Amino acid sequence: EERARSELGMIRPGETFYRVVEDRAVSP
């Protein structure tokens, strides 16, 4: 299960997947 989650991005039924993306520093 841990491998499926980390390498394949799989989730269980009823779960919600959230991906946190950090803002890149934007040059002026």
mmCIF file of all heavy atoms, coordinates in Angstrom:
data_MODEL
# 
_entry.id   MODEL 
# 
loop_
_atom_site.group_PDB 
_atom_site.id 
_atom_site.type_symbol 
_atom_site.label_atom_id 
_atom_site.label_alt_id 
_atom_site.label_comp_id 
_atom_site.label_asym_id 
_atom_site.label_entity_id 
_atom_site.label_seq_id 
_atom_site.pdbx_PDB_ins_code 
_atom_site.Cartn_x 
_atom_site.Cartn_y 
_atom_site.Cartn_z 
_atom_site.occupancy 
_atom_site.B_iso_or_equiv 
_atom_site.pdbx_formal_charge 
_atom_site.auth_seq_id 
_atom_site.auth_comp_id 
_atom_site.auth_asym_id 
_atom_site.auth_atom_id 
_atom_site.pdbx_PDB_model_num 
ATOM 1   N N   . GLU A 1 1  ? 0.832   -1.205 0.000   1.00 0.00 ? 1  GLU A N   1 
ATOM 2   C CA  . GLU A 1 1  ? 0.000   0.000  0.000   1.00 0.00 ? 1  GLU A CA  1 
ATOM 3   C C   . GLU A 1 1  ? 0.866   1.254  0.000   1.00 0.00 ? 1  GLU A C   1 
ATOM 4   O O   . GLU A 1 1  ? 0.606   2.205  -0.741  1.00 0.00 ? 1  GLU A O   1 
ATOM 5   C CB  . GLU A 1 1  ? -0.913  -0.004 1.220   1.00 0.00 ? 1  GLU A CB  1 
ATOM 6   C CG  . GLU A 1 1  ? -1.826  1.207  1.274   1.00 0.00 ? 1  GLU A CG  1 
ATOM 7   C CD  . GLU A 1 1  ? -2.725  1.200  2.494   1.00 0.00 ? 1  GLU A CD  1 
ATOM 8   O OE1 . GLU A 1 1  ? -2.892  0.145  3.125   1.00 0.00 ? 1  GLU A OE1 1 
ATOM 9   O OE2 . GLU A 1 1  ? -3.263  2.271  2.795   1.00 0.00 ? 1  GLU A OE2 1 
ATOM 10  N N   . GLU A 1 2  ? 1.913   1.251  0.804   1.00 0.00 ? 2  GLU A N   1 
ATOM 11  C CA  . GLU A 1 2  ? 2.789   2.425  0.875   1.00 0.00 ? 2  GLU A CA  1 
ATOM 12  C C   . GLU A 1 2  ? 3.465   2.679  -0.466  1.00 0.00 ? 2  GLU A C   1 
ATOM 13  O O   . GLU A 1 2  ? 3.565   3.808  -0.929  1.00 0.00 ? 2  GLU A O   1 
ATOM 14  C CB  . GLU A 1 2  ? 3.838   2.196  1.983   1.00 0.00 ? 2  GLU A CB  1 
ATOM 15  C CG  . GLU A 1 2  ? 4.691   3.401  2.300   1.00 0.00 ? 2  GLU A CG  1 
ATOM 16  C CD  . GLU A 1 2  ? 5.960   3.462  1.485   1.00 0.00 ? 2  GLU A CD  1 
ATOM 17  O OE1 . GLU A 1 2  ? 6.519   2.406  1.164   1.00 0.00 ? 2  GLU A OE1 1 
ATOM 18  O OE2 . GLU A 1 2  ? 6.380   4.585  1.142   1.00 0.00 ? 2  GLU A OE2 1 
ATOM 19  N N   . ARG A 1 3  ? 3.891   1.609  -1.130  1.00 0.00 ? 3  ARG A N   1 
ATOM 20  C CA  . ARG A 1 3  ? 4.493   1.758  -2.451  1.00 0.00 ? 3  ARG A CA  1 
ATOM 21  C C   . ARG A 1 3  ? 3.493   2.268  -3.473  1.00 0.00 ? 3  ARG A C   1 
ATOM 22  O O   . ARG A 1 3  ? 3.801   3.125  -4.299  1.00 0.00 ? 3  ARG A O   1 
ATOM 23  C CB  . ARG A 1 3  ? 5.039   0.422  -2.923  1.00 0.00 ? 3  ARG A CB  1 
ATOM 24  C CG  . ARG A 1 3  ? 6.468   0.225  -2.559  1.00 0.00 ? 3  ARG A CG  1 
ATOM 25  C CD  . ARG A 1 3  ? 7.148   -0.370 -3.727  1.00 0.00 ? 3  ARG A CD  1 
ATOM 26  N NE  . ARG A 1 3  ? 8.554   -0.059 -3.651  1.00 0.00 ? 3  ARG A NE  1 
ATOM 27  C CZ  . ARG A 1 3  ? 9.475   -0.840 -4.104  1.00 0.00 ? 3  ARG A CZ  1 
ATOM 28  N NH1 . ARG A 1 3  ? 9.154   -1.988 -4.618  1.00 0.00 ? 3  ARG A NH1 1 
ATOM 29  N NH2 . ARG A 1 3  ? 10.720  -0.481 -4.058  1.00 0.00 ? 3  ARG A NH2 1 
ATOM 30  N N   . ALA A 1 4  ? 2.294   1.743  -3.432  1.00 0.00 ? 4  ALA A N   1 
ATOM 31  C CA  . ALA A 1 4  ? 1.265   2.182  -4.376  1.00 0.00 ? 4  ALA A CA  1 
ATOM 32  C C   . ALA A 1 4  ? 0.941   3.649  -4.170  1.00 0.00 ? 4  ALA A C   1 
ATOM 33  O O   . ALA A 1 4  ? 0.744   4.397  -5.128  1.00 0.00 ? 4  ALA A O   1 
ATOM 34  C CB  . ALA A 1 4  ? 0.009   1.332  -4.207  1.00 0.00 ? 4  ALA A CB  1 
ATOM 35  N N   . ARG A 1 5  ? 0.912   4.091  -2.923  1.00 0.00 ? 5  ARG A N   1 
ATOM 36  C CA  . ARG A 1 5  ? 0.627   5.498  -2.647  1.00 0.00 ? 5  ARG A CA  1 
ATOM 37  C C   . ARG A 1 5  ? 1.768   6.408  -3.101  1.00 0.00 ? 5  ARG A C   1 
ATOM 38  O O   . ARG A 1 5  ? 1.541   7.433  -3.736  1.00 0.00 ? 5  ARG A O   1 
ATOM 39  C CB  . ARG A 1 5  ? 0.376   5.708  -1.156  1.00 0.00 ? 5  ARG A CB  1 
ATOM 40  C CG  . ARG A 1 5  ? -0.955  5.168  -0.677  1.00 0.00 ? 5  ARG A CG  1 
ATOM 41  C CD  . ARG A 1 5  ? -1.068  5.327  0.830   1.00 0.00 ? 5  ARG A CD  1 
ATOM 42  N NE  . ARG A 1 5  ? -2.345  4.868  1.323   1.00 0.00 ? 5  ARG A NE  1 
ATOM 43  C CZ  . ARG A 1 5  ? -3.425  5.627  1.401   1.00 0.00 ? 5  ARG A CZ  1 
ATOM 44  N NH1 . ARG A 1 5  ? -3.374  6.877  1.016   1.00 0.00 ? 5  ARG A NH1 1 
ATOM 45  N NH2 . ARG A 1 5  ? -4.552  5.132  1.861   1.00 0.00 ? 5  ARG A NH2 1 
ATOM 46  N N   . SER A 1 6  ? 2.997   6.034  -2.771  1.00 0.00 ? 6  SER A N   1 
ATOM 47  C CA  . SER A 1 6  ? 4.116   6.932  -3.051  1.00 0.00 ? 6  SER A CA  1 
ATOM 48  C C   . SER A 1 6  ? 4.546   6.917  -4.518  1.00 0.00 ? 6  SER A C   1 
ATOM 49  O O   . SER A 1 6  ? 4.833   7.959  -5.097  1.00 0.00 ? 6  SER A O   1 
ATOM 50  C CB  . SER A 1 6  ? 5.306   6.595  -2.159  1.00 0.00 ? 6  SER A CB  1 
ATOM 51  O OG  . SER A 1 6  ? 5.813   5.313  -2.488  1.00 0.00 ? 6  SER A OG  1 
ATOM 52  N N   . GLU A 1 7  ? 4.596   5.728  -5.129  1.00 0.00 ? 7  GLU A N   1 
ATOM 53  C CA  . GLU A 1 7  ? 5.121   5.639  -6.488  1.00 0.00 ? 7  GLU A CA  1 
ATOM 54  C C   . GLU A 1 7  ? 4.050   5.778  -7.565  1.00 0.00 ? 7  GLU A C   1 
ATOM 55  O O   . GLU A 1 7  ? 4.321   6.296  -8.646  1.00 0.00 ? 7  GLU A O   1 
ATOM 56  C CB  . GLU A 1 7  ? 5.868   4.321  -6.662  1.00 0.00 ? 7  GLU A CB  1 
ATOM 57  C CG  . GLU A 1 7  ? 7.132   4.246  -5.825  1.00 0.00 ? 7  GLU A CG  1 
ATOM 58  C CD  . GLU A 1 7  ? 7.876   2.943  -5.997  1.00 0.00 ? 7  GLU A CD  1 
ATOM 59  O OE1 . GLU A 1 7  ? 7.504   2.160  -6.893  1.00 0.00 ? 7  GLU A OE1 1 
ATOM 60  O OE2 . GLU A 1 7  ? 8.818   2.716  -5.229  1.00 0.00 ? 7  GLU A OE2 1 
ATOM 61  N N   . LEU A 1 8  ? 2.851   5.311  -7.278  1.00 0.00 ? 8  LEU A N   1 
ATOM 62  C CA  . LEU A 1 8  ? 1.801   5.336  -8.291  1.00 0.00 ? 8  LEU A CA  1 
ATOM 63  C C   . LEU A 1 8  ? 0.743   6.394  -8.034  1.00 0.00 ? 8  LEU A C   1 
ATOM 64  O O   . LEU A 1 8  ? -0.140  6.600  -8.854  1.00 0.00 ? 8  LEU A O   1 
ATOM 65  C CB  . LEU A 1 8  ? 1.138   3.947  -8.382  1.00 0.00 ? 8  LEU A CB  1 
ATOM 66  C CG  . LEU A 1 8  ? 2.085   2.785  -8.713  1.00 0.00 ? 8  LEU A CG  1 
ATOM 67  C CD1 . LEU A 1 8  ? 1.329   1.467  -8.645  1.00 0.00 ? 8  LEU A CD1 1 
ATOM 68  C CD2 . LEU A 1 8  ? 2.723   2.980  -10.067 1.00 0.00 ? 8  LEU A CD2 1 
ATOM 69  N N   . GLY A 1 9  ? 0.796   7.031  -6.862  1.00 0.00 ? 9  GLY A N   1 
ATOM 70  C CA  . GLY A 1 9  ? -0.165  8.076  -6.542  1.00 0.00 ? 9  GLY A CA  1 
ATOM 71  C C   . GLY A 1 9  ? -1.574  7.555  -6.329  1.00 0.00 ? 9  GLY A C   1 
ATOM 72  O O   . GLY A 1 9  ? -2.541  8.279  -6.550  1.00 0.00 ? 9  GLY A O   1 
ATOM 73  N N   . MET A 1 10 ? -1.710  6.324  -5.901  1.00 0.00 ? 10 MET A N   1 
ATOM 74  C CA  . MET A 1 10 ? -3.038  5.734  -5.697  1.00 0.00 ? 10 MET A CA  1 
ATOM 75  C C   . MET A 1 10 ? -3.607  6.160  -4.343  1.00 0.00 ? 10 MET A C   1 
ATOM 76  O O   . MET A 1 10 ? -2.870  6.422  -3.408  1.00 0.00 ? 10 MET A O   1 
ATOM 77  C CB  . MET A 1 10 ? -2.943  4.210  -5.767  1.00 0.00 ? 10 MET A CB  1 
ATOM 78  C CG  . MET A 1 10 ? -2.465  3.708  -7.115  1.00 0.00 ? 10 MET A CG  1 
ATOM 79  S SD  . MET A 1 10 ? -2.362  1.931  -7.154  1.00 0.00 ? 10 MET A SD  1 
ATOM 80  C CE  . MET A 1 10 ? -4.042  1.549  -7.570  1.00 0.00 ? 10 MET A CE  1 
ATOM 81  N N   . ILE A 1 11 ? -4.949  6.233  -4.288  1.00 0.00 ? 11 ILE A N   1 
ATOM 82  C CA  . ILE A 1 11 ? -5.641  6.556  -3.039  1.00 0.00 ? 11 ILE A CA  1 
ATOM 83  C C   . ILE A 1 11 ? -6.762  5.550  -2.838  1.00 0.00 ? 11 ILE A C   1 
ATOM 84  O O   . ILE A 1 11 ? -7.203  4.893  -3.776  1.00 0.00 ? 11 ILE A O   1 
ATOM 85  C CB  . ILE A 1 11 ? -6.194  7.993  -3.042  1.00 0.00 ? 11 ILE A CB  1 
ATOM 86  C CG1 . ILE A 1 11 ? -7.162  8.204  -4.207  1.00 0.00 ? 11 ILE A CG1 1 
ATOM 87  C CG2 . ILE A 1 11 ? -5.065  9.005  -3.098  1.00 0.00 ? 11 ILE A CG2 1 
ATOM 88  C CD1 . ILE A 1 11 ? -7.885  9.521  -4.163  1.00 0.00 ? 11 ILE A CD1 1 
ATOM 89  N N   . ARG A 1 12 ? -7.219  5.442  -1.608  1.00 0.00 ? 12 ARG A N   1 
ATOM 90  C CA  . ARG A 1 12 ? -8.324  4.535  -1.295  1.00 0.00 ? 12 ARG A CA  1 
ATOM 91  C C   . ARG A 1 12 ? -9.651  5.185  -1.693  1.00 0.00 ? 12 ARG A C   1 
ATOM 92  O O   . ARG A 1 12 ? -9.753  6.411  -1.743  1.00 0.00 ? 12 ARG A O   1 
ATOM 93  C CB  . ARG A 1 12 ? -8.351  4.250  0.198   1.00 0.00 ? 12 ARG A CB  1 
ATOM 94  C CG  . ARG A 1 12 ? -7.296  3.310  0.652   1.00 0.00 ? 12 ARG A CG  1 
ATOM 95  C CD  . ARG A 1 12 ? -7.511  2.989  2.104   1.00 0.00 ? 12 ARG A CD  1 
ATOM 96  N NE  . ARG A 1 12 ? -6.554  2.007  2.542   1.00 0.00 ? 12 ARG A NE  1 
ATOM 97  C CZ  . ARG A 1 12 ? -6.377  1.673  3.788   1.00 0.00 ? 12 ARG A CZ  1 
ATOM 98  N NH1 . ARG A 1 12 ? -7.091  2.247  4.740   1.00 0.00 ? 12 ARG A NH1 1 
ATOM 99  N NH2 . ARG A 1 12 ? -5.488  0.772  4.117   1.00 0.00 ? 12 ARG A NH2 1 
ATOM 100 N N   . PRO A 1 13 ? -10.654 4.375  -1.916  1.00 0.00 ? 13 PRO A N   1 
ATOM 101 C CA  . PRO A 1 13 ? -11.978 4.946  -2.195  1.00 0.00 ? 13 PRO A CA  1 
ATOM 102 C C   . PRO A 1 13 ? -12.453 5.761  -0.990  1.00 0.00 ? 13 PRO A C   1 
ATOM 103 O O   . PRO A 1 13 ? -12.308 5.346  0.152   1.00 0.00 ? 13 PRO A O   1 
ATOM 104 C CB  . PRO A 1 13 ? -12.864 3.713  -2.408  1.00 0.00 ? 13 PRO A CB  1 
ATOM 105 C CG  . PRO A 1 13 ? -11.919 2.613  -2.773  1.00 0.00 ? 13 PRO A CG  1 
ATOM 106 C CD  . PRO A 1 13 ? -10.644 2.919  -2.074  1.00 0.00 ? 13 PRO A CD  1 
ATOM 107 N N   . GLY A 1 14 ? -12.994 6.932  -1.254  1.00 0.00 ? 14 GLY A N   1 
ATOM 108 C CA  . GLY A 1 14 ? -13.487 7.798  -0.194  1.00 0.00 ? 14 GLY A CA  1 
ATOM 109 C C   . GLY A 1 14 ? -12.441 8.772  0.321   1.00 0.00 ? 14 GLY A C   1 
ATOM 110 O O   . GLY A 1 14 ? -12.771 9.674  1.077   1.00 0.00 ? 14 GLY A O   1 
ATOM 111 N N   . GLU A 1 15 ? -11.192 8.605  -0.053  1.00 0.00 ? 15 GLU A N   1 
ATOM 112 C CA  . GLU A 1 15 ? -10.154 9.548  0.378   1.00 0.00 ? 15 GLU A CA  1 
ATOM 113 C C   . GLU A 1 15 ? -10.078 10.699 -0.614  1.00 0.00 ? 15 GLU A C   1 
ATOM 114 O O   . GLU A 1 15 ? -10.453 10.569 -1.778  1.00 0.00 ? 15 GLU A O   1 
ATOM 115 C CB  . GLU A 1 15 ? -8.775  8.872  0.435   1.00 0.00 ? 15 GLU A CB  1 
ATOM 116 C CG  . GLU A 1 15 ? -8.586  7.911  1.564   1.00 0.00 ? 15 GLU A CG  1 
ATOM 117 C CD  . GLU A 1 15 ? -7.181  7.332  1.608   1.00 0.00 ? 15 GLU A CD  1 
ATOM 118 O OE1 . GLU A 1 15 ? -6.491  7.292  0.565   1.00 0.00 ? 15 GLU A OE1 1 
ATOM 119 O OE2 . GLU A 1 15 ? -6.773  6.923  2.690   1.00 0.00 ? 15 GLU A OE2 1 
ATOM 120 N N   . THR A 1 16 ? -9.605  11.830 -0.134  1.00 0.00 ? 16 THR A N   1 
ATOM 121 C CA  . THR A 1 16 ? -9.393  12.982 -0.993  1.00 0.00 ? 16 THR A CA  1 
ATOM 122 C C   . THR A 1 16 ? -7.896  13.253 -1.040  1.00 0.00 ? 16 THR A C   1 
ATOM 123 O O   . THR A 1 16 ? -7.235  13.322 -0.013  1.00 0.00 ? 16 THR A O   1 
ATOM 124 C CB  . THR A 1 16 ? -10.115 14.224 -0.441  1.00 0.00 ? 16 THR A CB  1 
ATOM 125 O OG1 . THR A 1 16 ? -11.501 13.904 -0.287  1.00 0.00 ? 16 THR A OG1 1 
ATOM 126 C CG2 . THR A 1 16 ? -9.966  15.397 -1.376  1.00 0.00 ? 16 THR A CG2 1 
ATOM 127 N N   . PHE A 1 17 ? -7.394  13.392 -2.233  1.00 0.00 ? 17 PHE A N   1 
ATOM 128 C CA  . PHE A 1 17 ? -5.970  13.624 -2.422  1.00 0.00 ? 17 PHE A CA  1 
ATOM 129 C C   . PHE A 1 17 ? -5.709  15.118 -2.534  1.00 0.00 ? 17 PHE A C   1 
ATOM 130 O O   . PHE A 1 17 ? -6.364  15.812 -3.307  1.00 0.00 ? 17 PHE A O   1 
ATOM 131 C CB  . PHE A 1 17 ? -5.487  12.909 -3.694  1.00 0.00 ? 17 PHE A CB  1 
ATOM 132 C CG  . PHE A 1 17 ? -4.043  13.137 -4.008  1.00 0.00 ? 17 PHE A CG  1 
ATOM 133 C CD1 . PHE A 1 17 ? -3.050  12.517 -3.275  1.00 0.00 ? 17 PHE A CD1 1 
ATOM 134 C CD2 . PHE A 1 17 ? -3.668  13.988 -5.042  1.00 0.00 ? 17 PHE A CD2 1 
ATOM 135 C CE1 . PHE A 1 17 ? -1.728  12.721 -3.563  1.00 0.00 ? 17 PHE A CE1 1 
ATOM 136 C CE2 . PHE A 1 17 ? -2.343  14.198 -5.337  1.00 0.00 ? 17 PHE A CE2 1 
ATOM 137 C CZ  . PHE A 1 17 ? -1.369  13.565 -4.595  1.00 0.00 ? 17 PHE A CZ  1 
ATOM 138 N N   . TYR A 1 18 ? -4.783  15.614 -1.750  1.00 0.00 ? 18 TYR A N   1 
ATOM 139 C CA  . TYR A 1 18 ? -4.384  17.019 -1.808  1.00 0.00 ? 18 TYR A CA  1 
ATOM 140 C C   . TYR A 1 18 ? -2.911  17.088 -2.150  1.00 0.00 ? 18 TYR A C   1 
ATOM 141 O O   . TYR A 1 18 ? -2.093  16.374 -1.577  1.00 0.00 ? 18 TYR A O   1 
ATOM 142 C CB  . TYR A 1 18 ? -4.601  17.706 -0.448  1.00 0.00 ? 18 TYR A CB  1 
ATOM 143 C CG  . TYR A 1 18 ? -6.046  17.822 -0.045  1.00 0.00 ? 18 TYR A CG  1 
ATOM 144 C CD1 . TYR A 1 18 ? -6.616  16.906 0.837   1.00 0.00 ? 18 TYR A CD1 1 
ATOM 145 C CD2 . TYR A 1 18 ? -6.834  18.847 -0.541  1.00 0.00 ? 18 TYR A CD2 1 
ATOM 146 C CE1 . TYR A 1 18 ? -7.935  17.008 1.213   1.00 0.00 ? 18 TYR A CE1 1 
ATOM 147 C CE2 . TYR A 1 18 ? -8.159  18.954 -0.165  1.00 0.00 ? 18 TYR A CE2 1 
ATOM 148 C CZ  . TYR A 1 18 ? -8.702  18.036 0.710   1.00 0.00 ? 18 TYR A CZ  1 
ATOM 149 O OH  . TYR A 1 18 ? -10.015 18.144 1.070   1.00 0.00 ? 18 TYR A OH  1 
ATOM 150 N N   . ARG A 1 19 ? -2.590  17.952 -3.064  1.00 0.00 ? 19 ARG A N   1 
ATOM 151 C CA  . ARG A 1 19 ? -1.190  18.180 -3.413  1.00 0.00 ? 19 ARG A CA  1 
ATOM 152 C C   . ARG A 1 19 ? -0.878  19.625 -3.066  1.00 0.00 ? 19 ARG A C   1 
ATOM 153 O O   . ARG A 1 19 ? -1.550  20.544 -3.519  1.00 0.00 ? 19 ARG A O   1 
ATOM 154 C CB  . ARG A 1 19 ? -0.937  17.950 -4.893  1.00 0.00 ? 19 ARG A CB  1 
ATOM 155 C CG  . ARG A 1 19 ? 0.515   18.276 -5.283  1.00 0.00 ? 19 ARG A CG  1 
ATOM 156 C CD  . ARG A 1 19 ? 0.823   17.957 -6.704  1.00 0.00 ? 19 ARG A CD  1 
ATOM 157 N NE  . ARG A 1 19 ? 0.912   16.498 -6.786  1.00 0.00 ? 19 ARG A NE  1 
ATOM 158 C CZ  . ARG A 1 19 ? 1.010   15.835 -7.917  1.00 0.00 ? 19 ARG A CZ  1 
ATOM 159 N NH1 . ARG A 1 19 ? 1.006   16.479 -9.056  1.00 0.00 ? 19 ARG A NH1 1 
ATOM 160 N NH2 . ARG A 1 19 ? 1.093   14.530 -7.925  1.00 0.00 ? 19 ARG A NH2 1 
ATOM 161 N N   . VAL A 1 20 ? 0.161   19.823 -2.261  1.00 0.00 ? 20 VAL A N   1 
ATOM 162 C CA  . VAL A 1 20 ? 0.567   21.158 -1.854  1.00 0.00 ? 20 VAL A CA  1 
ATOM 163 C C   . VAL A 1 20 ? 1.723   21.578 -2.753  1.00 0.00 ? 20 VAL A C   1 
ATOM 164 O O   . VAL A 1 20 ? 2.751   20.914 -2.815  1.00 0.00 ? 20 VAL A O   1 
ATOM 165 C CB  . VAL A 1 20 ? 1.005   21.174 -0.369  1.00 0.00 ? 20 VAL A CB  1 
ATOM 166 C CG1 . VAL A 1 20 ? 1.471   22.563 0.022   1.00 0.00 ? 20 VAL A CG1 1 
ATOM 167 C CG2 . VAL A 1 20 ? -0.133  20.701 0.514   1.00 0.00 ? 20 VAL A CG2 1 
ATOM 168 N N   . VAL A 1 21 ? 1.522   22.680 -3.446  1.00 0.00 ? 21 VAL A N   1 
ATOM 169 C CA  . VAL A 1 21 ? 2.541   23.193 -4.350  1.00 0.00 ? 21 VAL A CA  1 
ATOM 170 C C   . VAL A 1 21 ? 3.007   24.524 -3.799  1.00 0.00 ? 21 VAL A C   1 
ATOM 171 O O   . VAL A 1 21 ? 2.213   25.442 -3.587  1.00 0.00 ? 21 VAL A O   1 
ATOM 172 C CB  . VAL A 1 21 ? 1.979   23.372 -5.779  1.00 0.00 ? 21 VAL A CB  1 
ATOM 173 C CG1 . VAL A 1 21 ? 3.039   23.915 -6.712  1.00 0.00 ? 21 VAL A CG1 1 
ATOM 174 C CG2 . VAL A 1 21 ? 1.404   22.059 -6.292  1.00 0.00 ? 21 VAL A CG2 1 
ATOM 175 N N   . GLU A 1 22 ? 4.303   24.616 -3.576  1.00 0.00 ? 22 GLU A N   1 
ATOM 176 C CA  . GLU A 1 22 ? 4.846   25.866 -3.057  1.00 0.00 ? 22 GLU A CA  1 
ATOM 177 C C   . GLU A 1 22 ? 5.060   26.837 -4.212  1.00 0.00 ? 22 GLU A C   1 
ATOM 178 O O   . GLU A 1 22 ? 5.415   26.445 -5.325  1.00 0.00 ? 22 GLU A O   1 
ATOM 179 C CB  . GLU A 1 22 ? 6.168   25.602 -2.342  1.00 0.00 ? 22 GLU A CB  1 
ATOM 180 C CG  . GLU A 1 22 ? 5.990   24.732 -1.105  1.00 0.00 ? 22 GLU A CG  1 
ATOM 181 C CD  . GLU A 1 22 ? 7.298   24.500 -0.386  1.00 0.00 ? 22 GLU A CD  1 
ATOM 182 O OE1 . GLU A 1 22 ? 8.251   25.266 -0.603  1.00 0.00 ? 22 GLU A OE1 1 
ATOM 183 O OE2 . GLU A 1 22 ? 7.353   23.538 0.383   1.00 0.00 ? 22 GLU A OE2 1 
ATOM 184 N N   . ASP A 1 23 ? 4.826   28.136 -3.935  1.00 0.00 ? 23 ASP A N   1 
ATOM 185 C CA  . ASP A 1 23 ? 5.038   29.157 -4.953  1.00 0.00 ? 23 ASP A CA  1 
ATOM 186 C C   . ASP A 1 23 ? 6.531   29.286 -5.221  1.00 0.00 ? 23 ASP A C   1 
ATOM 187 O O   . ASP A 1 23 ? 7.350   29.286 -4.313  1.00 0.00 ? 23 ASP A O   1 
ATOM 188 C CB  . ASP A 1 23 ? 4.504   30.512 -4.482  1.00 0.00 ? 23 ASP A CB  1 
ATOM 189 C CG  . ASP A 1 23 ? 2.977   30.507 -4.415  1.00 0.00 ? 23 ASP A CG  1 
ATOM 190 O OD1 . ASP A 1 23 ? 2.368   29.696 -5.130  1.00 0.00 ? 23 ASP A OD1 1 
ATOM 191 O OD2 . ASP A 1 23 ? 2.425   31.300 -3.632  1.00 0.00 ? 23 ASP A OD2 1 
ATOM 192 N N   . ARG A 1 24 ? 6.842   29.424 -6.478  1.00 0.00 ? 24 ARG A N   1 
ATOM 193 C CA  . ARG A 1 24 ? 8.227   29.686 -6.845  1.00 0.00 ? 24 ARG A CA  1 
ATOM 194 C C   . ARG A 1 24 ? 8.482   31.170 -6.706  1.00 0.00 ? 24 ARG A C   1 
ATOM 195 O O   . ARG A 1 24 ? 7.599   31.989 -6.899  1.00 0.00 ? 24 ARG A O   1 
ATOM 196 C CB  . ARG A 1 24 ? 8.488   29.305 -8.298  1.00 0.00 ? 24 ARG A CB  1 
ATOM 197 C CG  . ARG A 1 24 ? 8.512   27.834 -8.525  1.00 0.00 ? 24 ARG A CG  1 
ATOM 198 C CD  . ARG A 1 24 ? 9.056   27.577 -9.902  1.00 0.00 ? 24 ARG A CD  1 
ATOM 199 N NE  . ARG A 1 24 ? 8.407   26.408 -10.476 1.00 0.00 ? 24 ARG A NE  1 
ATOM 200 C CZ  . ARG A 1 24 ? 8.471   26.076 -11.725 1.00 0.00 ? 24 ARG A CZ  1 
ATOM 201 N NH1 . ARG A 1 24 ? 9.112   26.833 -12.594 1.00 0.00 ? 24 ARG A NH1 1 
ATOM 202 N NH2 . ARG A 1 24 ? 7.871   25.004 -12.164 1.00 0.00 ? 24 ARG A NH2 1 
ATOM 203 N N   . ALA A 1 25 ? 9.728   31.494 -6.399  1.00 0.00 ? 25 ALA A N   1 
ATOM 204 C CA  . ALA A 1 25 ? 10.092  32.912 -6.336  1.00 0.00 ? 25 ALA A CA  1 
ATOM 205 C C   . ALA A 1 25 ? 10.082  33.448 -7.766  1.00 0.00 ? 25 ALA A C   1 
ATOM 206 O O   . ALA A 1 25 ? 10.775  32.946 -8.639  1.00 0.00 ? 25 ALA A O   1 
ATOM 207 C CB  . ALA A 1 25 ? 11.461  33.087 -5.719  1.00 0.00 ? 25 ALA A CB  1 
ATOM 208 N N   . VAL A 1 26 ? 9.244   34.445 -7.984  1.00 0.00 ? 26 VAL A N   1 
ATOM 209 C CA  . VAL A 1 26 ? 9.122   35.016 -9.319  1.00 0.00 ? 26 VAL A CA  1 
ATOM 210 C C   . VAL A 1 26 ? 10.058  36.209 -9.402  1.00 0.00 ? 26 VAL A C   1 
ATOM 211 O O   . VAL A 1 26 ? 10.038  37.102 -8.558  1.00 0.00 ? 26 VAL A O   1 
ATOM 212 C CB  . VAL A 1 26 ? 7.662   35.457 -9.583  1.00 0.00 ? 26 VAL A CB  1 
ATOM 213 C CG1 . VAL A 1 26 ? 7.535   36.073 -10.954 1.00 0.00 ? 26 VAL A CG1 1 
ATOM 214 C CG2 . VAL A 1 26 ? 6.727   34.274 -9.423  1.00 0.00 ? 26 VAL A CG2 1 
ATOM 215 N N   . SER A 1 27 ? 10.887  36.223 -10.440 1.00 0.00 ? 27 SER A N   1 
ATOM 216 C CA  . SER A 1 27 ? 11.802  37.356 -10.603 1.00 0.00 ? 27 SER A CA  1 
ATOM 217 C C   . SER A 1 27 ? 11.009  38.553 -11.133 1.00 0.00 ? 27 SER A C   1 
ATOM 218 O O   . SER A 1 27 ? 10.053  38.393 -11.892 1.00 0.00 ? 27 SER A O   1 
ATOM 219 C CB  . SER A 1 27 ? 12.930  36.997 -11.560 1.00 0.00 ? 27 SER A CB  1 
ATOM 220 O OG  . SER A 1 27 ? 12.415  36.645 -12.815 1.00 0.00 ? 27 SER A OG  1 
ATOM 221 N N   . PRO A 1 28 ? 11.389  39.750 -10.706 1.00 0.00 ? 28 PRO A N   1 
ATOM 222 C CA  . PRO A 1 28 ? 10.653  40.939 -11.178 1.00 0.00 ? 28 PRO A CA  1 
ATOM 223 C C   . PRO A 1 28 ? 10.805  41.093 -12.684 1.00 0.00 ? 28 PRO A C   1 
ATOM 224 O O   . PRO A 1 28 ? 11.820  40.729 -13.257 1.00 0.00 ? 28 PRO A O   1 
ATOM 225 C CB  . PRO A 1 28 ? 11.323  42.094 -10.426 1.00 0.00 ? 28 PRO A CB  1 
ATOM 226 C CG  . PRO A 1 28 ? 12.640  41.573 -9.975  1.00 0.00 ? 28 PRO A CG  1 
ATOM 227 C CD  . PRO A 1 28 ? 12.503  40.092 -9.848  1.00 0.00 ? 28 PRO A CD  1 
# 
